[in-house]
Amino acid sequence: MSINHIRPWRTIERRKSRQIHVGSVPVGGDAPIAVQTMTNTLTTDVAATVAQVQAAAEAGADIVRVSVPDEDSAKALKEIVRESPVPIVADIHFHYKRGIEAAEAGAACLRINPGNIGDEKRVAEVIRAARDHNCSIRIGVNAGSLEKHLLDKYGEPCPEAMVESGLDHIRILQDHDFHEFKISVKASDVFMSAAAYQQLAEATDAPIHLGITEAGGFVSGTIKSAIGLGQLLWMGIGDTLRVSLSADPVEEVKVGFEILKSLGLRHRGVNIISCPSCARQGFDVIKTVEKLEKRLEHVKTPMSLSIIGCVVNGPGEALMTDVGFTGGGAGSGMVYLAGKASHKMSNDQMVDHIVEQVEKKAAELEEVKNPAE
C-alpha cells in the first residue's frame, strides 16, 4: 500500500503518454516502466544469443534488443524470436530491407535510426512491414548519427537537432497512419540527453524510451546512467529504459532495476540497505553483503533487508525493513523481523540464517499476494 500521502516528497507524477505494445509488454500509459537490454553476441550465433536473452530475462529484462546488421542475422532472428521468453526488438541500421526481414521473422518491435535508415520511401516500406506483422516501431535518434541537413542547420549535435529529427520521423509514421511507436533521443553526454528528453516530453505524447548511449564501463556507465536517467525518471519522464554499459547485458538489467527501485518505480527482489562499515562494525559488513547479494539473487519477491555493522543506525534502519541484522558484540548481533528485535544470532551463522529468514518472508508475502485456493 502506498504511503506517499504522508510522504509527498516521494511522489513522482509520471508524464501522461499513450500506450503501445511491444509484443505482450505494454509500454506507456499506466504500464510499469519496462527494463530493456541488448545482446552483444553475434546474432548469427543463435545458441549464444538465445542464452544471453534467457539470462537477461531471468535477471528481469522485460524486452531484449538484438542487432540485425545483415541478411544472415535476419534469418537467425526467426529462431531467436521463437525461443525467446520475452519480446525481441530488432535493431535496424542503414539497410531498410533488414527491417522488413525482421518484421517477417517475428520481431515485436523495429528500432530504426532516422539518421541512417534512408529516405521517406524506404521508411514507408518498413512501416508497411511493421503493420502487416503487428510490430511496433522505436524511432531511435542518436546524437552521433544525426541527419546531415540537421548538422548543417545547427552546426553540431544538440538537443534541438535531436528533437527535430525525432519529430520529423514521427510525422512520417503518422502520415502513414501508423501510431504504434515509441521514441528515444540518446546521447553519450548526460546534459545533452537530459535536455533533449525534456524537450521531447513536451512535444509529443508518444511513449519515451530512455538511455544514455555509450555510457562506458560498468562503474562509469552506471554513474552516468543513474544521473541522467534518474533525474528524468524523477521528473516523470520515461516509459522504457536501457542502461548502456560495456558489460554483460545482465548487469545492464540489474542496474536498470536498481535505478527504478531507488525511485520506487519498480519493485523486484531484495533491496539491501547496508552501511559502508567503519571501526565500530561488529562483523565484516562488506564481505557479508557480497555473499548475501549472490545468495539472494534467486528471490524475486519485492522486500527489504538491512545489514548494519553497529547499533548507532542499525535499529533505526531495521524499523523500516522486512528483515534486518545489526552488529553487536561478543561475536553476535541482533536479528530484526518486521522492524522489531527478534533474536540474537552468531556472526559465523548469520549469512545462512539471514538467507533463511528472507526466503521465509518472501514465501509469506507471495502467499498473501497469491493465496492458495
Foldseek 3Di string as FASTA:
>chain_A
DDPCVVVVVLDADAQQFDWFDLVPAIFGHPGFAFEEFEDDDPLLVLVVRLVLLVLQVLLPHQEYEYEQADDSSLVSLLVSCVSHPHAYEYEDFQELVSLLSNLVSPHQEYEYELLHHDDLVSVVVSLVSCVVSVHAYEHEYEQVRFHPVLCVVPVGRALVSQLVSVVVVVVSCVVVVHDNYEYAREELDLVRRQVNQVVNSVVHSGAYEDEHPCQEALPSLLVSCLVRVLVCVSNNHHGYYWRYHPDRRSSRRVSVVVSCVVSPRDFWWEAEAEDPDDPQFQADRVVLVVVLCVLRSNGTQGFYEYEYRADPCQLVVLLVGQWYWYHDHPQKTFIHHNSHTDDIDGPVCVSVVRSVSVVVVSVVVVCVVPPDD
